[in-house]
C-alpha atoms as a PDB file:
ATOM      1  CA  MET A   1    -155.209  -4.458  32.238  1.00  0.00           C
ATOM      2  CA  PRO A   2    -153.515  -2.705  29.309  1.00  0.00           C
ATOM      3  CA  GLY A   3    -156.474  -3.596  27.088  1.00  0.00           C
ATOM      4  CA  ASP A   4    -158.700  -1.312  29.165  1.00  0.00           C
ATOM      5  CA  MET A   5    -156.608   1.761  28.331  1.00  0.00           C
ATOM      6  CA  ILE A   6    -157.541   4.251  25.594  1.00  0.00           C
ATOM      7  CA  ALA A   7    -155.000   6.550  23.912  1.00  0.00           C
ATOM      8  CA  VAL A   8    -156.273  10.145  23.871  1.00  0.00           C
ATOM      9  CA  ILE A   9    -154.837  12.892  21.662  1.00  0.00           C
ATOM     10  CA  GLN A  10    -154.983  16.545  22.670  1.00  0.00           C
ATOM     11  CA  LEU A  11    -155.406  18.904  19.707  1.00  0.00           C
ATOM     12  CA  CYS A  12    -155.023  22.692  19.652  1.00  0.00           C
ATOM     13  CA  SER A  13    -158.462  24.281  19.359  1.00  0.00           C
ATOM     14  CA  VAL A  14    -157.013  27.030  17.127  1.00  0.00           C
ATOM     15  CA  CYS A  15    -154.738  25.301  14.586  1.00  0.00           C
ATOM     16  CA  ASN A  16    -155.769  21.644  15.196  1.00  0.00           C
ATOM     17  CA  SER A  17    -152.152  20.496  15.674  1.00  0.00           C
ATOM     18  CA  GLU A  18    -151.375  17.719  18.162  1.00  0.00           C
ATOM     19  CA  VAL A  19    -150.163  19.150  21.476  1.00  0.00           C
ATOM     20  CA  GLY A  20    -150.123  16.038  23.659  1.00  0.00           C
ATOM     21  CA  THR A  21    -151.222  12.462  24.250  1.00  0.00           C
ATOM     22  CA  PHE A  22    -152.067  10.373  27.282  1.00  0.00           C
ATOM     23  CA  SER A  23    -153.693   7.060  28.137  1.00  0.00           C
ATOM     24  CA  GLU A  24    -156.798   6.748  30.246  1.00  0.00           C
ATOM     25  CA  LYS A  25    -158.898   3.870  31.544  1.00  0.00           C
ATOM     26  CA  LYS A  26    -162.158   3.424  29.603  1.00  0.00           C
ATOM     27  CA  ASP A  27    -164.113   3.899  32.840  1.00  0.00           C
ATOM     28  CA  ASN A  28    -162.460   7.263  33.559  1.00  0.00           C
ATOM     29  CA  LEU A  29    -162.480   8.671  30.026  1.00  0.00           C
ATOM     30  CA  MET A  30    -163.902  12.199  29.648  1.00  0.00           C
ATOM     31  CA  LEU A  31    -163.509  13.658  26.169  1.00  0.00           C
ATOM     32  CA  SER A  32    -165.496  16.767  27.095  1.00  0.00           C
ATOM     33  CA  ALA A  33    -162.993  17.977  29.708  1.00  0.00           C
ATOM     34  CA  VAL A  34    -161.333  21.346  29.051  1.00  0.00           C
ATOM     35  CA  ASP A  35    -157.532  21.460  29.163  1.00  0.00           C
ATOM     36  CA  ASP A  36    -155.404  24.587  28.792  1.00  0.00           C
ATOM     37  CA  VAL A  37    -152.163  23.574  27.047  1.00  0.00           C
ATOM     38  CA  TRP A  38    -149.229  25.229  25.357  1.00  0.00           C
ATOM     39  CA  CYS A  39    -149.318  25.047  21.540  1.00  0.00           C
ATOM     40  CA  GLY A  40    -145.876  25.364  19.978  1.00  0.00           C
ATOM     41  CA  THR A  41    -147.395  26.203  16.579  1.00  0.00           C
ATOM     42  CA  CYS A  42    -149.576  29.069  17.881  1.00  0.00           C
ATOM     43  CA  GLN A  43    -146.999  30.052  20.550  1.00  0.00           C
ATOM     44  CA  ALA A  44    -149.830  30.490  23.048  1.00  0.00           C
ATOM     45  CA  THR A  45    -151.769  28.741  25.783  1.00  0.00           C
ATOM     46  CA  VAL A  46    -154.964  27.463  24.191  1.00  0.00           C
ATOM     47  CA  SER A  47    -157.833  25.144  25.009  1.00  0.00           C
ATOM     48  CA  ALA A  48    -157.252  21.579  23.895  1.00  0.00           C
ATOM     49  CA  VAL A  49    -159.754  19.345  22.155  1.00  0.00           C
ATOM     50  CA  ARG A  50    -159.597  15.654  23.082  1.00  0.00           C
ATOM     51  CA  ASP A  51    -160.009  12.864  20.540  1.00  0.00           C
ATOM     52  CA  ILE A  52    -159.505   9.098  20.547  1.00  0.00           C
ATOM     53  CA  GLU A  53    -156.319   7.991  18.779  1.00  0.00           C
ATOM     54  CA  GLY A  54    -157.167   6.319  15.465  1.00  0.00           C
ATOM     55  CA  ARG A  55    -160.822   7.434  15.410  1.00  0.00           C
ATOM     56  CA  GLU A  56    -160.511   9.510  12.233  1.00  0.00           C
ATOM     57  CA  ALA A  57    -158.627   6.766  10.353  1.00  0.00           C
ATOM     58  CA  SER A  58    -161.257   4.257  11.452  1.00  0.00           C
ATOM     59  CA  ALA A  59    -164.063   6.487  10.132  1.00  0.00           C
ATOM     60  CA  VAL A  60    -162.299   6.905   6.771  1.00  0.00           C
ATOM     61  CA  LYS A  61    -161.800   3.141   6.499  1.00  0.00           C
ATOM     62  CA  GLU A  62    -165.494   2.561   7.232  1.00  0.00           C
ATOM     63  CA  VAL A  63    -166.625   5.081   4.600  1.00  0.00           C
ATOM     64  CA  GLU A  64    -164.321   3.468   2.020  1.00  0.00           C
ATOM     65  CA  SER A  65    -166.011   0.122   2.712  1.00  0.00           C
ATOM     66  CA  TYR A  66    -169.443   1.458   1.723  1.00  0.00           C
ATOM     67  CA  PRO A  67    -170.742   0.291  -1.681  1.00  0.00           C
ATOM     68  CA  LEU A  68    -170.523   2.876  -4.449  1.00  0.00           C
ATOM     69  CA  SER A  69    -173.817   4.513  -5.352  1.00  0.00           C
ATOM     70  CA  LEU A  70    -174.999   4.774  -8.935  1.00  0.00           C
ATOM     71  CA  SER A  71    -174.352   8.052 -10.669  1.00  0.00           C
ATOM     72  CA  SER A  72    -177.387  10.331 -11.010  1.00  0.00           C
ATOM     73  CA  THR A  73    -176.454  10.935 -14.684  1.00  0.00           C
ATOM     74  CA  GLU A  74    -177.267   7.366 -15.710  1.00  0.00           C
ATOM     75  CA  PRO A  75    -180.652   6.931 -17.400  1.00  0.00           C
ATOM     76  CA  SER A  76    -183.412   5.382 -15.307  1.00  0.00           C
ATOM     77  CA  ALA A  77    -184.713   1.962 -16.308  1.00  0.00           C
END
């Protein structure tokens, strides 16, 4: 099923630019695998870091949904 597929982004371990993407079944997903890929920005073969597509945006959205805390400069009651 297409719903069981996860989009994975490969990022350069040196400059953090995106060097590739692929889809993988949830059951077969291994984010800790080491890939050697060509980075066009660094002009070198580097190790790639794997990340789930949309994970960072999802984390930012979650943090923005948190209630604002009171400032520590306000007097205590």
